[in-house]
Amino acid sequence: MQLDLSPYTAMVCGSTQGIGFATAKELASMGARIVLVARNEASLQKAVAEINEINGKENMTLTADFQHPDSLEKALDGFLVENEAQILINNTGGPPPGQAIDAEVEGFRIAFNQHLICNHILATKLVPGMKKAGYGRIINVISTSVKQPLPNLGVSNTIRGAVANWSKTLANELGAFGITVNNVLPGATDTARLTGIIERKSEKTGKSLDDVRAGMESQVPMKRVGRPEEVAWAISFLASPSAAYINGINVPVDGGRTASL
């Protein structure tokens, strides 16, 4: 299998913790130069120091708040003066929980900016360099909700579905240039976001944190939640040359929890 990414640069969003950081580490171990993107400069510097230890390359950081797409455009324009990236990992924390009917319009606007608009800005800025290289990978970390909407995640279900359809459209448009576009759909994964969901459910139901977690695990055929690195392995394979003919698909990484095919 061709898993060497040493000729390439990978831009990883939301890369200071959780799935994003696990993905950045895995791509670095495969030889890629990494560009970490997040909003907290101190966290970025801590993360890039660890990445530098893995691949020994001059990895970079970009500071941008995805609630303000203009800040992302500005950071990208500065990066592109002397740099390009052939691999893009779109990964952003999900919107707050709640029913769709109870959501404020502004909540949809914020989520739309954080996910679809920023994903599109990143893709449009980086695709020219991918075309020039004859190699491109755009991988969107979304959610199993694009196959099966999840209870009490109304805004997230809506926005994730929009991103999935945007992604499929891009896959059709860019495949001829050697650029693939795919989605990875994590299920319950041991991250700070999952901890927050468990805490809120515990407060709402009066159940202990352990009982809430056990209830989640019981819904998974493998009887456990995933680890961030397990999602990162799927993302990193799709970023590799060996995934050259995989395009326009959704890959659940959920231990089999999603009921649909």
Protein backbone atom coordinates (compact mmCIF):
# COMPACT_ATOMS: atom_id res chain seq x y z
CA MET A 1 0.00 0.00 0.00
CA GLN A 2 1.11 3.55 -0.78
CA LEU A 3 0.83 5.48 2.47
CA ASP A 4 3.81 7.83 2.11
CA LEU A 5 2.72 11.46 2.39
CA SER A 6 6.19 12.98 2.54
CA PRO A 7 5.75 14.96 -0.72
CA TYR A 8 2.62 16.66 0.58
CA THR A 9 1.37 19.33 2.98
CA ALA A 10 -1.79 18.67 4.99
CA MET A 11 -3.94 21.44 6.46
CA VAL A 12 -5.87 20.14 9.46
CA CYS A 13 -8.63 22.24 11.01
CA GLY A 14 -9.62 22.02 14.65
CA SER A 15 -6.25 20.41 15.18
CA THR A 16 -5.33 21.19 18.80
CA GLN A 17 -7.46 18.48 20.41
CA GLY A 18 -9.63 15.46 19.82
CA ILE A 19 -10.01 13.99 16.34
CA GLY A 20 -8.24 16.91 14.68
CA PHE A 21 -5.09 16.59 16.77
CA ALA A 22 -5.08 12.80 16.43
CA THR A 23 -5.34 13.22 12.66
CA ALA A 24 -2.52 15.76 12.53
CA LYS A 25 -0.26 13.36 14.45
CA GLU A 26 -1.12 10.43 12.17
CA LEU A 27 -0.56 12.42 8.97
CA ALA A 28 2.76 13.67 10.36
CA SER A 29 3.80 10.08 11.08
CA MET A 30 3.09 9.31 7.41
CA GLY A 31 5.54 12.06 6.43
CA ALA A 32 3.26 14.97 5.65
CA ARG A 33 4.13 18.54 6.58
CA ILE A 34 1.29 19.79 8.77
CA VAL A 35 -0.51 23.13 8.93
CA LEU A 36 -2.52 23.28 12.14
CA VAL A 37 -5.60 25.51 12.12
CA ALA A 38 -7.46 26.61 15.26
CA ARG A 39 -8.51 29.78 17.05
CA ASN A 40 -6.32 29.56 20.18
CA GLU A 41 -2.72 30.58 19.52
CA ALA A 42 -1.34 29.09 22.74
CA SER A 43 -2.95 25.73 22.04
CA LEU A 44 -1.63 25.82 18.48
CA GLN A 45 1.93 26.39 19.64
CA LYS A 46 1.71 23.51 22.09
CA ALA A 47 0.30 21.21 19.41
CA VAL A 48 2.81 22.14 16.71
CA ALA A 49 5.71 21.48 19.09
CA GLU A 50 4.48 17.91 19.45
CA ILE A 51 3.97 17.53 15.69
CA ASN A 52 7.53 18.78 15.09
CA GLU A 53 8.81 15.92 17.22
CA ILE A 54 6.97 13.41 15.03
CA ASN A 55 8.04 14.38 11.51
CA GLY A 56 11.00 16.73 12.02
CA LYS A 57 9.59 19.17 9.46
CA GLU A 58 8.86 22.89 9.58
CA ASN A 59 5.20 22.57 10.41
CA MET A 60 3.02 25.66 10.55
CA THR A 61 0.01 27.13 12.34
CA LEU A 62 -2.85 29.35 11.23
CA THR A 63 -4.97 31.18 13.78
CA ALA A 64 -8.57 31.66 12.70
CA ASP A 65 -11.99 31.76 14.35
CA PHE A 66 -14.50 29.95 12.14
CA GLN A 67 -17.34 32.02 13.57
CA HIS A 68 -15.74 34.84 11.57
CA PRO A 69 -14.96 33.55 8.05
CA ASP A 70 -13.12 36.77 7.20
CA SER A 71 -10.40 35.85 9.70
CA LEU A 72 -9.97 32.52 7.93
CA GLU A 73 -9.70 34.15 4.51
CA LYS A 74 -7.07 36.57 5.80
CA ALA A 75 -5.02 33.78 7.36
CA LEU A 76 -5.23 31.67 4.20
CA ASP A 77 -4.20 34.53 1.95
CA GLY A 78 -1.07 35.01 4.06
CA PHE A 79 -0.29 31.30 3.95
CA LEU A 80 -0.73 31.05 0.18
CA VAL A 81 1.83 33.75 -0.57
CA GLU A 82 4.60 31.16 -0.26
CA ASN A 83 2.80 27.87 0.48
CA GLU A 84 0.30 25.33 -0.80
CA ALA A 85 -1.48 22.33 0.70
CA GLN A 86 -2.54 19.22 -1.17
CA ILE A 87 -4.53 17.66 1.69
CA LEU A 88 -7.37 19.46 3.48
CA ILE A 89 -9.06 18.08 6.59
CA ASN A 90 -12.21 20.07 7.33
CA ASN A 91 -12.97 19.52 11.01
CA THR A 92 -14.92 21.88 13.26
CA GLY A 93 -16.70 21.38 16.59
CA GLY A 94 -20.41 20.77 16.34
CA PRO A 95 -23.20 23.24 17.17
CA PRO A 96 -24.84 23.16 20.61
CA PRO A 97 -27.47 20.46 21.18
CA GLY A 98 -31.20 21.08 21.13
CA GLN A 99 -34.28 20.43 19.04
CA ALA A 100 -34.43 22.03 15.60
CA ILE A 101 -37.81 23.63 16.32
CA ASP A 102 -36.37 25.43 19.35
CA ALA A 103 -33.26 26.74 17.57
CA GLU A 104 -32.83 30.45 16.93
CA VAL A 105 -32.21 31.51 13.34
CA GLU A 106 -28.87 32.95 14.46
CA GLY A 107 -27.83 29.50 15.64
CA PHE A 108 -28.25 28.18 12.11
CA ARG A 109 -26.31 31.15 10.69
CA ILE A 110 -23.39 30.60 13.05
CA ALA A 111 -23.25 26.88 12.29
CA PHE A 112 -23.55 27.52 8.55
CA ASN A 113 -20.56 29.87 8.73
CA GLN A 114 -18.48 27.53 10.90
CA HIS A 115 -19.04 24.51 8.72
CA LEU A 116 -20.21 25.00 5.15
CA ILE A 117 -18.93 28.53 4.50
CA CYS A 118 -15.50 27.97 6.04
CA ASN A 119 -15.17 24.57 4.35
CA HIS A 120 -15.92 26.25 1.04
CA ILE A 121 -13.43 29.05 1.64
CA LEU A 122 -10.74 26.50 2.43
CA ALA A 123 -11.52 24.39 -0.62
CA THR A 124 -11.66 27.25 -3.10
CA LYS A 125 -8.38 28.67 -1.82
CA LEU A 126 -6.49 25.35 -1.84
CA VAL A 127 -7.89 23.58 -4.91
CA PRO A 128 -5.77 25.54 -7.42
CA GLY A 129 -2.61 24.22 -5.74
CA MET A 130 -4.05 20.69 -5.72
CA LYS A 131 -4.75 20.93 -9.44
CA LYS A 132 -1.21 22.10 -10.08
CA ALA A 133 0.18 19.18 -8.08
CA GLY A 134 -2.12 16.66 -9.74
CA TYR A 135 -2.93 15.42 -6.24
CA GLY A 136 -5.62 16.52 -3.85
CA ARG A 137 -7.56 15.17 -0.90
CA ILE A 138 -10.46 16.98 0.76
CA ILE A 139 -11.81 15.07 3.75
CA ASN A 140 -14.69 16.43 5.78
CA VAL A 141 -15.16 15.20 9.33
CA ILE A 142 -18.93 15.35 9.76
CA SER A 143 -21.23 13.00 11.69
CA THR A 144 -23.26 9.83 11.29
CA SER A 145 -26.27 12.17 11.39
CA VAL A 146 -25.95 12.59 7.61
CA LYS A 147 -27.22 9.01 7.35
CA GLN A 148 -29.50 8.98 10.37
CA PRO A 149 -30.42 12.24 12.16
CA LEU A 150 -29.56 12.12 15.84
CA PRO A 151 -32.03 13.12 18.57
CA ASN A 152 -31.64 16.58 20.11
CA LEU A 153 -29.04 17.73 17.57
CA GLY A 154 -31.33 19.68 15.27
CA VAL A 155 -28.94 22.37 14.07
CA SER A 156 -26.07 19.91 13.72
CA ASN A 157 -28.18 17.42 11.74
CA THR A 158 -29.21 20.18 9.34
CA ILE A 159 -25.78 21.68 8.75
CA ARG A 160 -23.97 18.34 8.54
CA GLY A 161 -26.40 17.25 5.83
CA ALA A 162 -25.66 20.40 3.85
CA VAL A 163 -21.92 19.75 4.09
CA ALA A 164 -22.37 16.16 2.90
CA ASN A 165 -24.22 17.28 -0.23
CA TRP A 166 -21.69 20.05 -0.90
CA SER A 167 -18.96 17.43 -0.61
CA LYS A 168 -20.61 15.03 -3.06
CA THR A 169 -21.03 17.85 -5.56
CA LEU A 170 -17.36 18.79 -5.28
CA ALA A 171 -16.35 15.15 -5.71
CA ASN A 172 -18.13 15.09 -9.06
CA GLU A 173 -16.51 18.36 -10.14
CA LEU A 174 -12.93 17.72 -9.04
CA GLY A 175 -12.34 14.02 -9.66
CA ALA A 176 -10.94 14.61 -13.14
CA PHE A 177 -8.09 16.62 -11.61
CA GLY A 178 -6.88 13.83 -9.33
CA ILE A 179 -8.68 15.42 -6.36
CA THR A 180 -10.94 13.25 -4.21
CA VAL A 181 -13.56 14.53 -1.78
CA ASN A 182 -14.87 12.25 0.95
CA ASN A 183 -16.60 12.43 4.32
CA VAL A 184 -15.69 10.60 7.52
CA LEU A 185 -18.61 10.20 9.92
CA PRO A 186 -17.52 9.63 13.53
CA GLY A 187 -19.94 8.09 15.97
CA ALA A 188 -19.57 8.59 19.71
CA THR A 189 -15.86 9.29 20.15
CA ASP A 190 -13.96 9.92 23.37
CA THR A 191 -13.42 13.67 23.00
CA ALA A 192 -14.19 16.80 24.99
CA ARG A 193 -17.41 17.19 23.00
CA LEU A 194 -18.62 13.75 24.06
CA THR A 195 -17.78 14.58 27.68
CA GLY A 196 -19.92 17.71 27.40
CA ILE A 197 -22.83 15.76 25.90
CA ILE A 198 -22.63 13.19 28.70
CA GLU A 199 -22.54 15.93 31.36
CA ARG A 200 -25.58 17.72 29.91
CA LYS A 201 -27.55 14.48 29.65
CA SER A 202 -26.62 13.60 33.22
CA GLU A 203 -27.89 16.97 34.46
CA LYS A 204 -31.10 16.63 32.47
CA THR A 205 -31.93 13.05 33.45
CA GLY A 206 -30.42 12.82 36.92
CA LYS A 207 -28.43 9.75 35.90
CA SER A 208 -24.78 9.43 36.86
CA LEU A 209 -22.08 10.18 34.31
CA ASP A 210 -21.11 6.51 34.27
CA ASP A 211 -24.69 5.42 33.63
CA VAL A 212 -25.10 7.89 30.77
CA ARG A 213 -21.87 6.71 29.19
CA ALA A 214 -22.84 3.07 29.64
CA GLY A 215 -26.15 3.79 27.93
CA MET A 216 -24.31 5.25 24.92
CA GLU A 217 -21.95 2.30 24.79
CA SER A 218 -24.84 -0.18 24.90
CA GLN A 219 -26.13 1.25 21.59
CA VAL A 220 -22.88 0.35 19.81
CA PRO A 221 -22.43 -3.24 18.61
CA MET A 222 -18.82 -3.11 19.83
CA LYS A 223 -20.06 -1.94 23.27
CA ARG A 224 -17.66 0.97 23.57
CA VAL A 225 -17.13 4.47 22.22
CA GLY A 226 -14.40 5.16 19.68
CA ARG A 227 -10.98 6.62 20.27
CA PRO A 228 -9.86 9.74 18.35
CA GLU A 229 -6.98 7.85 16.75
CA GLU A 230 -9.41 5.29 15.31
CA VAL A 231 -11.16 8.05 13.40
CA ALA A 232 -7.78 9.52 12.44
CA TRP A 233 -6.71 6.22 10.86
CA ALA A 234 -9.69 6.31 8.50
CA ILE A 235 -9.05 9.95 7.61
CA SER A 236 -5.36 9.32 7.00
CA PHE A 237 -6.02 6.38 4.69
CA LEU A 238 -8.35 8.52 2.59
CA ALA A 239 -5.58 11.14 2.43
CA SER A 240 -3.10 8.62 1.06
CA PRO A 241 -2.23 7.65 -2.52
CA SER A 242 -3.78 4.23 -1.89
CA ALA A 243 -7.23 5.86 -1.69
CA ALA A 244 -6.93 7.36 -5.18
CA TYR A 245 -10.10 5.70 -6.51
CA ILE A 246 -12.28 6.34 -3.47
CA ASN A 247 -14.33 9.46 -4.15
CA GLY A 248 -17.60 11.01 -3.07
CA ILE A 249 -18.44 8.64 -0.22
CA ASN A 250 -19.45 8.74 3.44
CA VAL A 251 -17.40 6.50 5.76
CA PRO A 252 -18.99 5.88 9.18
CA VAL A 253 -16.46 5.22 11.93
CA ASP A 254 -18.94 4.35 14.66
CA GLY A 255 -18.45 0.74 15.71
CA GLY A 256 -21.57 -0.20 13.73
CA ARG A 257 -24.03 2.00 15.63
CA THR A 258 -25.67 3.59 12.57
CA ALA A 259 -28.69 1.48 11.67
CA SER A 260 -28.76 2.32 7.96
CA LEU A 261 -26.43 0.85 5.32
